[in-house]
Amino acid sequence: KKIENQTNRQVTYSKRRNGLFKKASELTVLCDAKVSIIMISSTQKLHEFISPTTTTKQIFDQYQKALGVDLWNSQYERMQEDLKKHTEINRKLHKEIRQRVGESLNDLGYREIVNLLDMMDDALKNIRERKYKVLSNQIDTTKKKLRNVEEQHRNRILELDGDPHYGLVENEGDYNSVLGYHHGGPRIITLRMPPHHHASFHSGGSS
C-alpha cells in the first residue's frame, strides 16, 4: 500500500528508481536490448532512462510499428481542429480591424453599421480620456518645475540681499529682459553695481 509518510515515500522512490535504472542498464549491456523508462514522481519530477544505442523517439516508433497503432493521430486531429478555430478567429479580427479604418463595409447591414459606430464612439471616448489624463500630468509636472524655479530664484535673491555689490530693483518694465520672467512671475531682479557707484550711494545716503 501507499507509504503515507512523505519523507519515507520519497526515499523509497529514489532507491527503487535507481535500482530499476540499474537493471535496465544491465539488460542493455548483457542482452543488447533497447530499453526506455519514463518515470514521473508524485512531485511531478521527470526521470528517464534510455539505452545509449537508441532514442526515445525510435522506441516509440518501434512500439507503434509492432502494435500497428498511431499514438499521434488523435493528437494531430485535435491540433488541426485548434488550428482551424484560431485561423477563423484571426480572420474575424483582421476583418474587424479593416472595418474600424473604414474598409470592408459593403457586406455590413444597418444594425452592424450602428454597432460599429457605437464601438468607434466608445474608442474615441477612451482615447480622449487618456489624452486629458496625459495633459493633466504634463501640466502638473510643469507647475512643479515652475515652483522649483521660483523657489530657487527667491533663495538666490535672499543670498544676494546681503552682498554690497548688488542692488535690488523692482520694476515692471525695463528690467524684465535682464533677469526674471517674461510671462508673469516675480519682477524683482538683481543688478551688479560698480564699486564707485556703491560708495557714492552710501555717501549720498549719509547726507
N, C-alpha and C. Protein backbone atom coordinates (compact mmCIF):
# COMPACT_ATOMS: atom_id res chain seq x y z
N LYS A 1 0.84 -1.19 0.00
CA LYS A 1 0.00 0.00 0.00
C LYS A 1 0.88 1.25 0.00
N LYS A 2 0.25 2.37 -0.25
CA LYS A 2 0.97 3.63 -0.35
C LYS A 2 1.64 3.99 0.96
N ILE A 3 2.89 4.44 0.87
CA ILE A 3 3.61 4.90 2.05
C ILE A 3 3.08 6.29 2.42
N GLU A 4 2.53 6.41 3.60
CA GLU A 4 1.88 7.65 3.99
C GLU A 4 2.87 8.74 4.32
N ASN A 5 3.97 8.38 4.97
CA ASN A 5 4.97 9.39 5.33
C ASN A 5 5.67 9.90 4.08
N GLN A 6 5.62 11.20 3.85
CA GLN A 6 6.13 11.77 2.61
C GLN A 6 7.64 11.59 2.47
N THR A 7 8.37 11.77 3.57
CA THR A 7 9.83 11.62 3.52
C THR A 7 10.21 10.19 3.17
N ASN A 8 9.59 9.22 3.87
CA ASN A 8 9.87 7.81 3.59
C ASN A 8 9.49 7.45 2.16
N ARG A 9 8.37 8.04 1.67
CA ARG A 9 7.92 7.74 0.31
C ARG A 9 8.94 8.22 -0.72
N GLN A 10 9.49 9.42 -0.51
CA GLN A 10 10.47 9.96 -1.45
C GLN A 10 11.78 9.17 -1.42
N VAL A 11 12.20 8.74 -0.21
CA VAL A 11 13.43 7.94 -0.09
C VAL A 11 13.26 6.60 -0.80
N THR A 12 12.11 5.96 -0.60
CA THR A 12 11.85 4.68 -1.24
C THR A 12 11.80 4.83 -2.76
N TYR A 13 11.16 5.89 -3.22
CA TYR A 13 11.09 6.14 -4.66
C TYR A 13 12.48 6.28 -5.25
N SER A 14 13.32 7.07 -4.59
CA SER A 14 14.66 7.31 -5.10
C SER A 14 15.47 6.02 -5.16
N LYS A 15 15.41 5.21 -4.09
CA LYS A 15 16.19 3.97 -4.05
C LYS A 15 15.71 2.99 -5.12
N ARG A 16 14.43 2.78 -5.21
CA ARG A 16 13.91 1.80 -6.17
C ARG A 16 14.04 2.29 -7.61
N ARG A 17 13.97 3.60 -7.82
CA ARG A 17 14.19 4.14 -9.16
C ARG A 17 15.62 3.85 -9.60
N ASN A 18 16.57 4.10 -8.73
CA ASN A 18 17.96 3.82 -9.06
C ASN A 18 18.17 2.33 -9.32
N GLY A 19 17.50 1.48 -8.52
CA GLY A 19 17.63 0.04 -8.74
C GLY A 19 17.05 -0.38 -10.07
N LEU A 20 15.90 0.23 -10.43
CA LEU A 20 15.26 -0.09 -11.71
C LEU A 20 16.12 0.35 -12.88
N PHE A 21 16.70 1.53 -12.78
CA PHE A 21 17.58 2.02 -13.84
C PHE A 21 18.83 1.16 -13.96
N LYS A 22 19.32 0.65 -12.83
CA LYS A 22 20.49 -0.24 -12.86
C LYS A 22 20.15 -1.53 -13.61
N LYS A 23 18.98 -2.09 -13.33
CA LYS A 23 18.56 -3.31 -14.03
C LYS A 23 18.39 -3.05 -15.53
N ALA A 24 17.86 -1.88 -15.88
CA ALA A 24 17.69 -1.53 -17.29
C ALA A 24 19.04 -1.42 -17.98
N SER A 25 20.01 -0.85 -17.30
CA SER A 25 21.34 -0.73 -17.87
C SER A 25 21.97 -2.11 -18.07
N GLU A 26 21.75 -3.02 -17.10
CA GLU A 26 22.28 -4.38 -17.24
C GLU A 26 21.65 -5.10 -18.42
N LEU A 27 20.33 -4.92 -18.60
CA LEU A 27 19.67 -5.54 -19.75
C LEU A 27 20.23 -5.01 -21.06
N THR A 28 20.53 -3.69 -21.09
CA THR A 28 21.08 -3.09 -22.31
C THR A 28 22.45 -3.69 -22.64
N VAL A 29 23.29 -3.84 -21.62
CA VAL A 29 24.66 -4.31 -21.85
C VAL A 29 24.70 -5.81 -22.07
N LEU A 30 24.07 -6.56 -21.18
CA LEU A 30 24.18 -8.02 -21.21
C LEU A 30 23.38 -8.64 -22.36
N CYS A 31 22.21 -8.06 -22.64
CA CYS A 31 21.31 -8.69 -23.62
C CYS A 31 21.17 -7.90 -24.91
N ASP A 32 21.88 -6.79 -25.05
CA ASP A 32 21.80 -5.94 -26.24
C ASP A 32 20.35 -5.51 -26.50
N ALA A 33 19.63 -5.20 -25.41
CA ALA A 33 18.23 -4.79 -25.51
C ALA A 33 18.14 -3.26 -25.59
N LYS A 34 17.07 -2.80 -26.17
CA LYS A 34 16.78 -1.36 -26.20
C LYS A 34 15.71 -1.08 -25.16
N VAL A 35 16.08 -0.34 -24.15
CA VAL A 35 15.19 -0.12 -23.01
C VAL A 35 14.94 1.38 -22.83
N SER A 36 13.70 1.72 -22.61
CA SER A 36 13.33 3.11 -22.32
C SER A 36 12.40 3.12 -21.12
N ILE A 37 12.74 3.91 -20.12
CA ILE A 37 11.91 4.03 -18.92
C ILE A 37 11.63 5.51 -18.68
N ILE A 38 10.37 5.84 -18.53
CA ILE A 38 9.97 7.21 -18.19
C ILE A 38 9.21 7.17 -16.88
N MET A 39 9.65 7.95 -15.92
CA MET A 39 9.02 7.96 -14.59
C MET A 39 8.72 9.40 -14.20
N ILE A 40 7.56 9.59 -13.59
CA ILE A 40 7.18 10.89 -13.06
C ILE A 40 6.80 10.70 -11.60
N SER A 41 7.50 11.40 -10.72
CA SER A 41 7.28 11.23 -9.29
C SER A 41 6.01 11.95 -8.85
N SER A 42 5.63 11.77 -7.60
CA SER A 42 4.44 12.43 -7.05
C SER A 42 4.63 13.94 -6.98
N THR A 43 5.89 14.38 -7.03
CA THR A 43 6.17 15.82 -7.03
C THR A 43 6.33 16.35 -8.46
N GLN A 44 5.92 15.54 -9.46
CA GLN A 44 5.92 15.92 -10.88
C GLN A 44 7.33 16.09 -11.45
N LYS A 45 8.31 15.41 -10.86
CA LYS A 45 9.66 15.42 -11.42
C LYS A 45 9.82 14.26 -12.40
N LEU A 46 10.41 14.56 -13.56
CA LEU A 46 10.58 13.56 -14.60
C LEU A 46 11.96 12.91 -14.49
N HIS A 47 11.95 11.55 -14.55
CA HIS A 47 13.19 10.79 -14.57
C HIS A 47 13.11 9.82 -15.74
N GLU A 48 14.20 9.70 -16.48
CA GLU A 48 14.17 8.90 -17.70
C GLU A 48 15.45 8.10 -17.87
N PHE A 49 15.29 6.89 -18.36
CA PHE A 49 16.44 6.07 -18.77
C PHE A 49 16.21 5.64 -20.21
N ILE A 50 17.25 5.73 -21.02
CA ILE A 50 17.17 5.31 -22.41
C ILE A 50 18.48 4.62 -22.76
N SER A 51 18.41 3.50 -23.42
CA SER A 51 19.63 2.78 -23.81
C SER A 51 20.49 3.66 -24.71
N PRO A 52 21.79 3.65 -24.53
CA PRO A 52 22.68 4.52 -25.32
C PRO A 52 22.58 4.27 -26.81
N THR A 53 22.12 3.11 -27.22
CA THR A 53 22.08 2.76 -28.64
C THR A 53 20.81 3.22 -29.35
N THR A 54 19.92 3.90 -28.64
CA THR A 54 18.66 4.31 -29.26
C THR A 54 18.22 5.65 -28.71
N THR A 55 17.04 6.10 -29.15
CA THR A 55 16.44 7.35 -28.65
C THR A 55 14.99 7.07 -28.26
N THR A 56 14.42 7.96 -27.51
CA THR A 56 13.03 7.80 -27.08
C THR A 56 12.10 7.76 -28.29
N LYS A 57 12.36 8.61 -29.28
CA LYS A 57 11.52 8.63 -30.48
C LYS A 57 11.60 7.29 -31.22
N GLN A 58 12.79 6.74 -31.35
CA GLN A 58 12.93 5.45 -32.02
C GLN A 58 12.18 4.34 -31.29
N ILE A 59 12.23 4.40 -29.96
CA ILE A 59 11.48 3.41 -29.16
C ILE A 59 9.99 3.52 -29.45
N PHE A 60 9.45 4.77 -29.46
CA PHE A 60 8.02 4.95 -29.73
C PHE A 60 7.67 4.53 -31.15
N ASP A 61 8.54 4.83 -32.10
CA ASP A 61 8.28 4.42 -33.49
C ASP A 61 8.22 2.90 -33.61
N GLN A 62 9.13 2.22 -32.94
CA GLN A 62 9.13 0.75 -32.98
C GLN A 62 7.90 0.19 -32.26
N TYR A 63 7.49 0.85 -31.20
CA TYR A 63 6.30 0.43 -30.46
C TYR A 63 5.07 0.53 -31.35
N GLN A 64 4.91 1.65 -32.06
CA GLN A 64 3.76 1.83 -32.94
C GLN A 64 3.79 0.82 -34.09
N LYS A 65 4.99 0.57 -34.62
CA LYS A 65 5.11 -0.37 -35.74
C LYS A 65 4.76 -1.79 -35.29
N ALA A 66 5.21 -2.16 -34.08
CA ALA A 66 4.96 -3.51 -33.59
C ALA A 66 3.48 -3.73 -33.31
N LEU A 67 2.78 -2.70 -32.79
CA LEU A 67 1.37 -2.84 -32.44
C LEU A 67 0.44 -2.42 -33.58
N GLY A 68 0.98 -1.75 -34.58
CA GLY A 68 0.14 -1.29 -35.68
C GLY A 68 -0.80 -0.17 -35.27
N VAL A 69 -0.34 0.72 -34.41
CA VAL A 69 -1.16 1.83 -33.93
C VAL A 69 -0.45 3.15 -34.23
N ASP A 70 -1.23 4.23 -34.19
CA ASP A 70 -0.66 5.57 -34.37
C ASP A 70 -0.96 6.37 -33.10
N LEU A 71 0.05 6.54 -32.26
CA LEU A 71 -0.15 7.24 -30.99
C LEU A 71 -0.43 8.72 -31.19
N TRP A 72 -0.03 9.26 -32.33
CA TRP A 72 -0.13 10.71 -32.52
C TRP A 72 -1.33 11.12 -33.36
N ASN A 73 -2.07 10.17 -33.91
CA ASN A 73 -3.16 10.52 -34.82
C ASN A 73 -4.24 11.36 -34.13
N SER A 74 -4.68 10.89 -32.96
CA SER A 74 -5.73 11.64 -32.26
C SER A 74 -5.24 13.03 -31.84
N GLN A 75 -3.97 13.10 -31.41
CA GLN A 75 -3.40 14.38 -31.04
C GLN A 75 -3.30 15.30 -32.25
N TYR A 76 -2.92 14.74 -33.40
CA TYR A 76 -2.82 15.54 -34.62
C TYR A 76 -4.18 16.09 -35.03
N GLU A 77 -5.21 15.27 -34.89
CA GLU A 77 -6.56 15.73 -35.24
C GLU A 77 -7.01 16.87 -34.34
N ARG A 78 -6.72 16.75 -33.06
CA ARG A 78 -7.08 17.84 -32.14
C ARG A 78 -6.31 19.12 -32.49
N MET A 79 -5.05 18.97 -32.85
CA MET A 79 -4.26 20.14 -33.23
C MET A 79 -4.82 20.79 -34.49
N GLN A 80 -5.29 19.97 -35.43
CA GLN A 80 -5.87 20.52 -36.65
C GLN A 80 -7.15 21.30 -36.36
N GLU A 81 -7.97 20.77 -35.44
CA GLU A 81 -9.19 21.47 -35.05
C GLU A 81 -8.87 22.80 -34.38
N ASP A 82 -7.87 22.78 -33.51
CA ASP A 82 -7.46 24.03 -32.84
C ASP A 82 -6.94 25.03 -33.86
N LEU A 83 -6.20 24.53 -34.85
CA LEU A 83 -5.66 25.43 -35.89
C LEU A 83 -6.79 26.08 -36.68
N LYS A 84 -7.83 25.31 -37.02
CA LYS A 84 -8.96 25.87 -37.75
C LYS A 84 -9.66 26.96 -36.94
N LYS A 85 -9.85 26.70 -35.63
CA LYS A 85 -10.53 27.68 -34.77
C LYS A 85 -9.72 28.97 -34.69
N HIS A 86 -8.41 28.85 -34.48
CA HIS A 86 -7.57 30.05 -34.36
C HIS A 86 -7.48 30.78 -35.69
N THR A 87 -7.48 30.04 -36.79
CA THR A 87 -7.46 30.68 -38.11
C THR A 87 -8.72 31.51 -38.33
N GLU A 88 -9.88 30.97 -37.93
CA GLU A 88 -11.14 31.69 -38.08
C GLU A 88 -11.18 32.93 -37.18
N ILE A 89 -10.69 32.77 -35.95
CA ILE A 89 -10.63 33.92 -35.04
C ILE A 89 -9.73 35.01 -35.62
N ASN A 90 -8.60 34.61 -36.15
CA ASN A 90 -7.66 35.56 -36.74
C ASN A 90 -8.29 36.27 -37.94
N ARG A 91 -9.05 35.54 -38.76
CA ARG A 91 -9.71 36.14 -39.92
C ARG A 91 -10.73 37.20 -39.48
N LYS A 92 -11.51 36.87 -38.45
CA LYS A 92 -12.52 37.81 -37.96
C LYS A 92 -11.87 39.07 -37.38
N LEU A 93 -10.78 38.88 -36.66
CA LEU A 93 -10.09 40.03 -36.08
C LEU A 93 -9.53 40.96 -37.16
N HIS A 94 -8.97 40.37 -38.20
CA HIS A 94 -8.46 41.20 -39.30
C HIS A 94 -9.60 41.94 -39.99
N LYS A 95 -10.74 41.29 -40.11
CA LYS A 95 -11.90 41.93 -40.73
C LYS A 95 -12.38 43.10 -39.88
N GLU A 96 -12.44 42.92 -38.57
CA GLU A 96 -12.85 43.99 -37.67
C GLU A 96 -11.89 45.17 -37.73
N ILE A 97 -10.60 44.87 -37.83
CA ILE A 97 -9.61 45.94 -37.91
C ILE A 97 -9.82 46.75 -39.20
N ARG A 98 -10.04 46.06 -40.31
CA ARG A 98 -10.27 46.77 -41.58
C ARG A 98 -11.53 47.62 -41.50
N GLN A 99 -12.58 47.11 -40.86
CA GLN A 99 -13.83 47.86 -40.75
C GLN A 99 -13.65 49.11 -39.90
N ARG A 100 -12.82 49.02 -38.88
CA ARG A 100 -12.62 50.17 -38.00
C ARG A 100 -11.80 51.28 -38.65
N VAL A 101 -11.15 50.96 -39.77
CA VAL A 101 -10.45 52.00 -40.52
C VAL A 101 -11.22 52.36 -41.78
N GLY A 102 -12.47 51.93 -41.86
CA GLY A 102 -13.33 52.31 -42.97
C GLY A 102 -13.27 51.42 -44.18
N GLU A 103 -12.77 50.20 -44.04
CA GLU A 103 -12.69 49.28 -45.17
C GLU A 103 -13.61 48.08 -44.94
N SER A 104 -13.88 47.33 -46.00
CA SER A 104 -14.69 46.10 -45.95
C SER A 104 -16.06 46.37 -45.31
N LEU A 105 -16.72 47.44 -45.75
CA LEU A 105 -18.02 47.81 -45.18
C LEU A 105 -19.20 47.38 -46.04
N ASN A 106 -18.93 46.90 -47.23
CA ASN A 106 -20.03 46.60 -48.17
C ASN A 106 -20.94 45.49 -47.68
N ASP A 107 -20.41 44.51 -46.95
CA ASP A 107 -21.23 43.38 -46.52
C ASP A 107 -21.87 43.61 -45.15
N LEU A 108 -21.82 44.84 -44.62
CA LEU A 108 -22.41 45.14 -43.32
C LEU A 108 -23.85 45.61 -43.50
N GLY A 109 -24.74 45.12 -42.64
CA GLY A 109 -26.12 45.60 -42.63
C GLY A 109 -26.25 46.83 -41.75
N TYR A 110 -27.48 47.35 -41.68
CA TYR A 110 -27.71 48.58 -40.91
C TYR A 110 -27.33 48.40 -39.45
N ARG A 111 -27.81 47.32 -38.84
CA ARG A 111 -27.55 47.09 -37.42
C ARG A 111 -26.05 46.93 -37.15
N GLU A 112 -25.34 46.27 -38.05
CA GLU A 112 -23.90 46.08 -37.87
C GLU A 112 -23.16 47.41 -37.98
N ILE A 113 -23.66 48.27 -38.88
CA ILE A 113 -23.03 49.59 -39.00
C ILE A 113 -23.25 50.41 -37.74
N VAL A 114 -24.48 50.33 -37.19
CA VAL A 114 -24.77 51.05 -35.95
C VAL A 114 -23.88 50.55 -34.82
N ASN A 115 -23.72 49.24 -34.71
CA ASN A 115 -22.85 48.67 -33.67
C ASN A 115 -21.40 49.13 -33.85
N LEU A 116 -20.98 49.19 -35.12
CA LEU A 116 -19.62 49.65 -35.40
C LEU A 116 -19.44 51.10 -34.98
N LEU A 117 -20.43 51.93 -35.24
CA LEU A 117 -20.37 53.34 -34.83
C LEU A 117 -20.31 53.45 -33.31
N ASP A 118 -21.09 52.63 -32.62
CA ASP A 118 -21.07 52.66 -31.15
C ASP A 118 -19.68 52.28 -30.62
N MET A 119 -19.09 51.27 -31.23
CA MET A 119 -17.75 50.86 -30.79
C MET A 119 -16.73 51.97 -31.05
N MET A 120 -16.86 52.65 -32.19
CA MET A 120 -15.95 53.74 -32.50
C MET A 120 -16.11 54.89 -31.53
N ASP A 121 -17.37 55.19 -31.15
CA ASP A 121 -17.62 56.26 -30.16
C ASP A 121 -16.99 55.91 -28.82
N ASP A 122 -17.14 54.65 -28.40
CA ASP A 122 -16.53 54.23 -27.13
C ASP A 122 -15.00 54.33 -27.20
N ALA A 123 -14.44 53.95 -28.37
CA ALA A 123 -12.99 54.02 -28.52
C ALA A 123 -12.51 55.47 -28.46
N LEU A 124 -13.25 56.37 -29.13
CA LEU A 124 -12.88 57.79 -29.09
C LEU A 124 -12.97 58.35 -27.68
N LYS A 125 -13.99 57.93 -26.95
CA LYS A 125 -14.14 58.39 -25.56
C LYS A 125 -12.94 57.96 -24.72
N ASN A 126 -12.53 56.71 -24.87
CA ASN A 126 -11.37 56.22 -24.11
C ASN A 126 -10.10 56.95 -24.50
N ILE A 127 -9.96 57.24 -25.82
CA ILE A 127 -8.77 57.95 -26.28
C ILE A 127 -8.73 59.37 -25.71
N ARG A 128 -9.90 60.05 -25.71
CA ARG A 128 -9.94 61.42 -25.17
C ARG A 128 -9.62 61.43 -23.68
N GLU A 129 -10.18 60.47 -22.94
CA GLU A 129 -9.91 60.40 -21.51
C GLU A 129 -8.42 60.20 -21.25
N ARG A 130 -7.81 59.35 -22.06
CA ARG A 130 -6.37 59.12 -21.91
C ARG A 130 -5.58 60.37 -22.25
N LYS A 131 -6.02 61.09 -23.30
CA LYS A 131 -5.33 62.31 -23.70
C LYS A 131 -5.39 63.36 -22.58
N TYR A 132 -6.60 63.54 -22.01
CA TYR A 132 -6.76 64.53 -20.94
C TYR A 132 -5.93 64.16 -19.71
N LYS A 133 -5.83 62.86 -19.45
CA LYS A 133 -5.03 62.43 -18.31
C LYS A 133 -3.56 62.74 -18.53
N VAL A 134 -3.08 62.48 -19.76
CA VAL A 134 -1.69 62.76 -20.08
C VAL A 134 -1.41 64.26 -20.00
N LEU A 135 -2.33 65.06 -20.55
CA LEU A 135 -2.16 66.51 -20.49
C LEU A 135 -2.16 67.02 -19.06
N SER A 136 -3.06 66.47 -18.23
CA SER A 136 -3.11 66.87 -16.83
C SER A 136 -1.81 66.56 -16.11
N ASN A 137 -1.26 65.38 -16.39
CA ASN A 137 0.01 65.01 -15.77
C ASN A 137 1.14 65.94 -16.22
N GLN A 138 1.12 66.30 -17.51
CA GLN A 138 2.15 67.20 -18.02
C GLN A 138 2.03 68.59 -17.40
N ILE A 139 0.79 69.06 -17.23
CA ILE A 139 0.57 70.37 -16.60
C ILE A 139 1.05 70.35 -15.16
N ASP A 140 0.72 69.31 -14.42
CA ASP A 140 1.16 69.20 -13.03
C ASP A 140 2.68 69.19 -12.94
N THR A 141 3.31 68.47 -13.85
CA THR A 141 4.78 68.40 -13.84
C THR A 141 5.38 69.78 -14.14
N THR A 142 4.79 70.50 -15.11
CA THR A 142 5.28 71.83 -15.46
C THR A 142 5.11 72.79 -14.29
N LYS A 143 3.98 72.71 -13.59
CA LYS A 143 3.75 73.57 -12.43
C LYS A 143 4.77 73.31 -11.34
N LYS A 144 5.08 72.04 -11.12
CA LYS A 144 6.07 71.70 -10.10
C LYS A 144 7.45 72.27 -10.46
N LYS A 145 7.80 72.14 -11.76
CA LYS A 145 9.08 72.68 -12.21
C LYS A 145 9.12 74.20 -12.04
N LEU A 146 7.99 74.88 -12.35
CA LEU A 146 7.92 76.32 -12.22
C LEU A 146 8.07 76.74 -10.77
N ARG A 147 7.39 76.00 -9.86
CA ARG A 147 7.52 76.33 -8.44
C ARG A 147 8.95 76.14 -7.95
N ASN A 148 9.63 75.11 -8.45
CA ASN A 148 11.02 74.88 -8.06
C ASN A 148 11.92 76.02 -8.54
N VAL A 149 11.67 76.48 -9.78
CA VAL A 149 12.47 77.58 -10.32
C VAL A 149 12.22 78.86 -9.53
N GLU A 150 10.96 79.13 -9.19
CA GLU A 150 10.63 80.33 -8.42
C GLU A 150 11.27 80.28 -7.04
N GLU A 151 11.25 79.08 -6.44
CA GLU A 151 11.85 78.93 -5.12
C GLU A 151 13.35 79.17 -5.18
N GLN A 152 14.00 78.63 -6.22
CA GLN A 152 15.43 78.85 -6.39
C GLN A 152 15.74 80.32 -6.61
N HIS A 153 14.86 80.97 -7.37
CA HIS A 153 15.05 82.40 -7.63
C HIS A 153 14.94 83.21 -6.34
N ARG A 154 13.93 82.90 -5.53
CA ARG A 154 13.76 83.62 -4.25
C ARG A 154 14.95 83.39 -3.33
N ASN A 155 15.42 82.16 -3.28
CA ASN A 155 16.58 81.87 -2.44
C ASN A 155 17.80 82.63 -2.91
N ARG A 156 17.96 82.74 -4.24
CA ARG A 156 19.10 83.47 -4.78
C ARG A 156 19.01 84.94 -4.43
N ILE A 157 17.80 85.50 -4.48
CA ILE A 157 17.60 86.91 -4.13
C ILE A 157 17.99 87.14 -2.67
N LEU A 158 17.56 86.22 -1.80
CA LEU A 158 17.88 86.35 -0.37
C LEU A 158 19.38 86.26 -0.13
N GLU A 159 20.06 85.39 -0.90
CA GLU A 159 21.50 85.26 -0.74
C GLU A 159 22.23 86.53 -1.17
N LEU A 160 21.72 87.17 -2.23
CA LEU A 160 22.37 88.37 -2.76
C LEU A 160 21.98 89.63 -1.99
N ASP A 161 20.97 89.53 -1.14
CA ASP A 161 20.46 90.71 -0.44
C ASP A 161 21.53 91.31 0.47
N GLY A 162 22.36 90.45 1.04
CA GLY A 162 23.39 90.97 1.94
C GLY A 162 24.69 91.31 1.26
N ASP A 163 24.79 91.17 -0.05
CA ASP A 163 26.03 91.47 -0.77
C ASP A 163 26.02 92.94 -1.17
N PRO A 164 27.00 93.76 -0.71
CA PRO A 164 27.00 95.20 -1.03
C PRO A 164 27.25 95.50 -2.49
N HIS A 165 27.75 94.51 -3.27
CA HIS A 165 27.99 94.76 -4.70
C HIS A 165 26.74 94.58 -5.53
N TYR A 166 25.60 94.23 -4.90
CA TYR A 166 24.37 94.03 -5.65
C TYR A 166 23.29 94.93 -5.09
N GLY A 167 22.42 95.40 -5.94
CA GLY A 167 21.28 96.18 -5.54
C GLY A 167 20.01 95.53 -6.02
N LEU A 168 18.89 95.76 -5.37
CA LEU A 168 17.61 95.20 -5.75
C LEU A 168 16.80 96.25 -6.49
N VAL A 169 16.21 95.87 -7.57
CA VAL A 169 15.42 96.79 -8.37
C VAL A 169 14.04 96.19 -8.57
N GLU A 170 13.03 96.93 -8.30
CA GLU A 170 11.66 96.48 -8.56
C GLU A 170 11.10 97.34 -9.68
N ASN A 171 10.80 96.69 -10.80
CA ASN A 171 10.33 97.44 -11.95
C ASN A 171 9.53 96.50 -12.83
N GLU A 172 8.46 96.98 -13.39
CA GLU A 172 7.60 96.14 -14.22
C GLU A 172 7.96 96.21 -15.69
N GLY A 173 8.96 97.03 -16.06
CA GLY A 173 9.16 97.23 -17.49
C GLY A 173 10.56 96.96 -17.98
N ASP A 174 11.45 97.92 -17.75
CA ASP A 174 12.73 97.95 -18.44
C ASP A 174 13.63 96.77 -18.08
N TYR A 175 13.50 96.23 -16.88
CA TYR A 175 14.47 95.25 -16.44
C TYR A 175 14.01 93.81 -16.62
N ASN A 176 12.84 93.63 -17.17
CA ASN A 176 12.34 92.26 -17.33
C ASN A 176 13.24 91.44 -18.24
N SER A 177 13.83 92.05 -19.24
CA SER A 177 14.66 91.31 -20.17
C SER A 177 16.04 91.01 -19.60
N VAL A 178 16.38 91.66 -18.48
CA VAL A 178 17.69 91.43 -17.87
C VAL A 178 17.68 90.13 -17.08
N LEU A 179 16.74 90.02 -16.17
CA LEU A 179 16.63 88.81 -15.36
C LEU A 179 15.21 88.74 -14.82
N GLY A 180 14.59 87.59 -14.90
CA GLY A 180 13.24 87.43 -14.38
C GLY A 180 12.39 86.65 -15.33
N TYR A 181 11.08 86.85 -15.31
CA TYR A 181 10.13 86.09 -16.12
C TYR A 181 9.48 87.02 -17.13
N HIS A 182 9.44 86.57 -18.35
CA HIS A 182 8.82 87.37 -19.41
C HIS A 182 7.31 87.27 -19.37
N HIS A 183 6.80 86.19 -18.82
CA HIS A 183 5.35 85.95 -18.85
C HIS A 183 4.82 85.81 -17.43
N GLY A 184 4.99 86.79 -16.66
CA GLY A 184 4.47 86.74 -15.30
C GLY A 184 5.53 86.24 -14.34
N GLY A 185 5.20 86.26 -13.03
CA GLY A 185 6.15 85.79 -12.04
C GLY A 185 6.83 86.98 -11.38
N PRO A 186 7.79 86.74 -10.52
CA PRO A 186 8.46 87.83 -9.78
C PRO A 186 9.14 88.79 -10.72
N ARG A 187 9.05 90.07 -10.37
CA ARG A 187 9.70 91.12 -11.15
C ARG A 187 10.90 91.69 -10.40
N ILE A 188 11.29 91.06 -9.29
CA ILE A 188 12.46 91.52 -8.54
C ILE A 188 13.70 90.95 -9.19
N ILE A 189 14.63 91.80 -9.58
CA ILE A 189 15.81 91.34 -10.27
C ILE A 189 17.04 91.89 -9.57
N THR A 190 18.20 91.37 -9.92
CA THR A 190 19.45 91.81 -9.31
C THR A 190 20.33 92.44 -10.37
N LEU A 191 20.96 93.55 -10.02
CA LEU A 191 21.91 94.22 -10.90
C LEU A 191 23.18 94.46 -10.12
N ARG A 192 24.33 94.10 -10.70
CA ARG A 192 25.61 94.33 -10.06
C ARG A 192 26.03 95.78 -10.30
N MET A 193 26.35 96.51 -9.20
CA MET A 193 26.73 97.91 -9.31
C MET A 193 28.24 98.05 -9.17
N PRO A 194 28.84 98.94 -9.91
CA PRO A 194 30.28 99.18 -9.80
C PRO A 194 30.64 99.63 -8.40
N PRO A 195 31.88 99.36 -7.96
CA PRO A 195 32.30 99.76 -6.60
C PRO A 195 32.15 101.26 -6.34
N HIS A 196 32.51 102.13 -7.32
CA HIS A 196 32.42 103.57 -7.10
C HIS A 196 30.97 104.01 -6.94
N HIS A 197 30.04 103.30 -7.70
CA HIS A 197 28.62 103.62 -7.55
C HIS A 197 28.15 103.25 -6.16
N HIS A 198 28.66 102.14 -5.64
CA HIS A 198 28.29 101.69 -4.29
C HIS A 198 28.73 102.71 -3.26
N ALA A 199 29.95 103.25 -3.43
CA ALA A 199 30.46 104.22 -2.47
C ALA A 199 29.67 105.51 -2.52
N SER A 200 29.36 105.98 -3.71
CA SER A 200 28.61 107.23 -3.83
C SER A 200 27.21 107.07 -3.32
N PHE A 201 26.69 105.83 -3.47
CA PHE A 201 25.32 105.56 -2.98
C PHE A 201 25.27 105.70 -1.47
N HIS A 202 26.27 105.18 -0.78
CA HIS A 202 26.27 105.25 0.68
C HIS A 202 26.58 106.68 1.16
N SER A 203 27.48 107.40 0.43
CA SER A 203 27.78 108.77 0.84
C SER A 203 26.58 109.67 0.68
N GLY A 204 25.86 109.46 -0.40
CA GLY A 204 24.66 110.23 -0.63
C GLY A 204 23.60 109.95 0.41
N GLY A 205 23.55 108.67 0.86
CA GLY A 205 22.56 108.32 1.84
C GLY A 205 22.85 108.91 3.19
N SER A 206 24.18 109.09 3.50
CA SER A 206 24.52 109.64 4.82
C SER A 206 24.18 111.09 4.93
N SER A 207 24.23 111.83 3.78
CA SER A 207 23.89 113.25 3.80
C SER A 207 22.40 113.41 3.86
